[in-house]
Protein backbone atom coordinates (compact mmCIF):
# COMPACT_ATOMS: atom_id res chain seq x y z
CA LEU A 1 158.32 138.27 135.83
CA LEU A 2 158.88 141.83 134.65
CA GLU A 3 162.48 141.67 135.79
CA ARG A 4 163.07 138.51 133.75
CA LEU A 5 161.35 140.00 130.72
CA SER A 6 163.39 143.20 130.94
CA VAL A 7 166.66 141.28 130.63
CA SER A 8 165.44 138.72 128.11
CA ALA A 9 166.88 138.40 124.63
CA SER A 10 163.47 138.92 123.06
CA PRO A 11 162.66 142.49 122.04
CA TRP A 12 158.98 141.71 122.75
CA GLY A 13 159.87 140.72 126.30
CA ARG A 14 161.82 143.92 126.90
CA ALA A 15 159.06 146.03 125.32
CA SER A 16 156.36 144.41 127.42
CA ALA A 17 158.41 144.95 130.60
CA VAL A 18 158.56 148.65 129.78
CA ALA A 19 154.97 148.96 128.55
CA PHE A 20 153.20 147.10 131.37
CA PRO A 21 153.71 149.67 134.17
CA PHE A 22 152.82 152.48 131.79
CA LEU A 23 149.64 150.76 130.62
CA LEU A 24 148.75 149.85 134.19
CA ASN A 25 148.89 153.50 135.18
CA ILE A 26 146.97 154.60 132.11
CA SER A 27 144.10 152.22 132.87
CA THR A 28 144.08 152.40 136.67
CA ILE A 29 143.91 156.15 137.21
CA PRO A 30 140.67 156.70 135.21
CA THR A 31 139.07 153.73 136.96
CA VAL A 32 139.95 155.16 140.36
CA CYS A 33 138.56 158.54 139.30
CA ILE A 34 135.24 157.03 138.22
CA VAL A 35 134.81 154.95 141.37
CA LEU A 36 135.84 157.84 143.61
CA ARG A 37 133.42 160.24 141.90
CA GLN A 38 130.51 157.81 142.21
CA SER A 39 131.33 157.24 145.88
CA LEU A 40 131.50 160.97 146.59
CA VAL A 41 128.20 161.63 144.81
CA SER A 42 126.60 158.75 146.74
CA ALA A 43 127.94 160.27 149.96
CA GLY A 44 126.12 163.52 149.15
CA LEU A 45 128.77 165.70 147.49
CA ARG A 46 127.61 167.81 144.56
CA ASN A 47 128.59 166.64 141.07
CA GLN A 48 131.05 169.47 140.37
CA LYS A 49 132.89 169.08 143.66
CA ALA A 50 132.94 165.30 143.37
CA LEU A 51 134.35 165.59 139.85
CA ALA A 52 137.06 168.03 140.95
CA VAL A 53 138.12 165.86 143.88
CA SER A 54 137.96 162.62 141.91
CA ILE A 55 140.21 164.01 139.18
CA GLY A 56 142.50 166.14 141.34
CA ALA A 57 143.33 163.72 144.15
CA PRO A 58 144.44 160.72 142.01
CA LEU A 59 146.30 163.04 139.62
CA VAL A 60 148.27 164.70 142.41
CA LEU A 61 149.00 161.34 144.06
CA ALA A 62 150.08 159.80 140.75
CA VAL A 63 152.46 162.65 140.00
CA LEU A 64 153.94 162.61 143.50
CA LEU A 65 154.41 158.86 143.56
CA HIS A 66 155.51 158.41 139.96
CA THR A 67 158.17 161.10 139.98
CA ARG A 68 159.84 159.66 143.06
CA SER A 69 160.90 156.24 144.19
CA GLY A 70 157.64 156.09 146.14
CA PHE A 71 155.90 154.55 143.14
CA ASP A 72 158.05 151.43 143.30
CA THR A 73 157.47 151.17 147.03
CA VAL A 74 153.69 151.56 146.71
CA PHE A 75 153.60 149.11 143.80
CA ALA A 76 155.47 146.49 145.85
CA LEU A 77 153.34 147.03 148.96
CA VAL A 78 150.07 146.84 147.04
CA GLY A 79 151.24 143.65 145.36
CA ARG A 80 152.15 142.12 148.71
CA GLY A 81 148.89 143.29 150.27
CA THR A 82 146.82 141.86 147.46
CA SER A 83 148.74 138.61 147.66
CA VAL A 84 148.14 138.34 151.41
CA VAL A 85 144.41 139.03 151.04
CA VAL A 86 143.94 136.61 148.16
CA ASN A 87 146.04 133.82 149.67
CA PHE A 88 145.17 134.07 153.35
CA VAL A 89 142.13 136.25 154.10
CA VAL A 90 139.76 135.15 151.32
CA PRO A 91 140.12 131.40 152.03
CA VAL A 92 139.43 131.95 155.74
CA LEU A 93 136.35 134.06 154.96
CA LEU A 94 135.07 131.50 152.47
CA ASP A 95 135.59 128.73 155.03
CA ARG A 96 133.65 130.68 157.67
CA LEU A 97 130.82 131.38 155.23
CA SER A 98 130.72 127.72 154.24
CA GLU A 99 130.54 126.62 157.87
CA ARG A 100 127.77 129.10 158.56
CA ALA A 101 125.79 127.97 155.50
CA GLN A 102 126.13 124.32 156.53
CA ARG A 103 125.10 125.10 160.09
CA ASP A 104 122.06 127.10 158.91
CA ALA A 105 121.06 124.31 156.52
CA LYS A 106 120.93 121.80 159.39
CA TYR A 107 118.44 123.87 161.38
């Protein structure tokens, strides 16, 4: 979709194709930092250390991946991975849970 928008005649399409990856990064990195910090604090790390790790690690990874072609590779792999989980793993899990619930309801 982004590829089609980037070559479209519409200036809005081209602008959105450029803006989407940027906005995705802007919103994803803080979310990862917050979740990582909460997880580290829950695991027993002190607040200051958890904050330093939760800000430093995603920042370093983002800079390394964004300044190289690695970002495109990671973006494609994550998209494929998410697609596989949503299309194949989740339906199987839901089917198993449904079968278990039906079996438990009979007894």
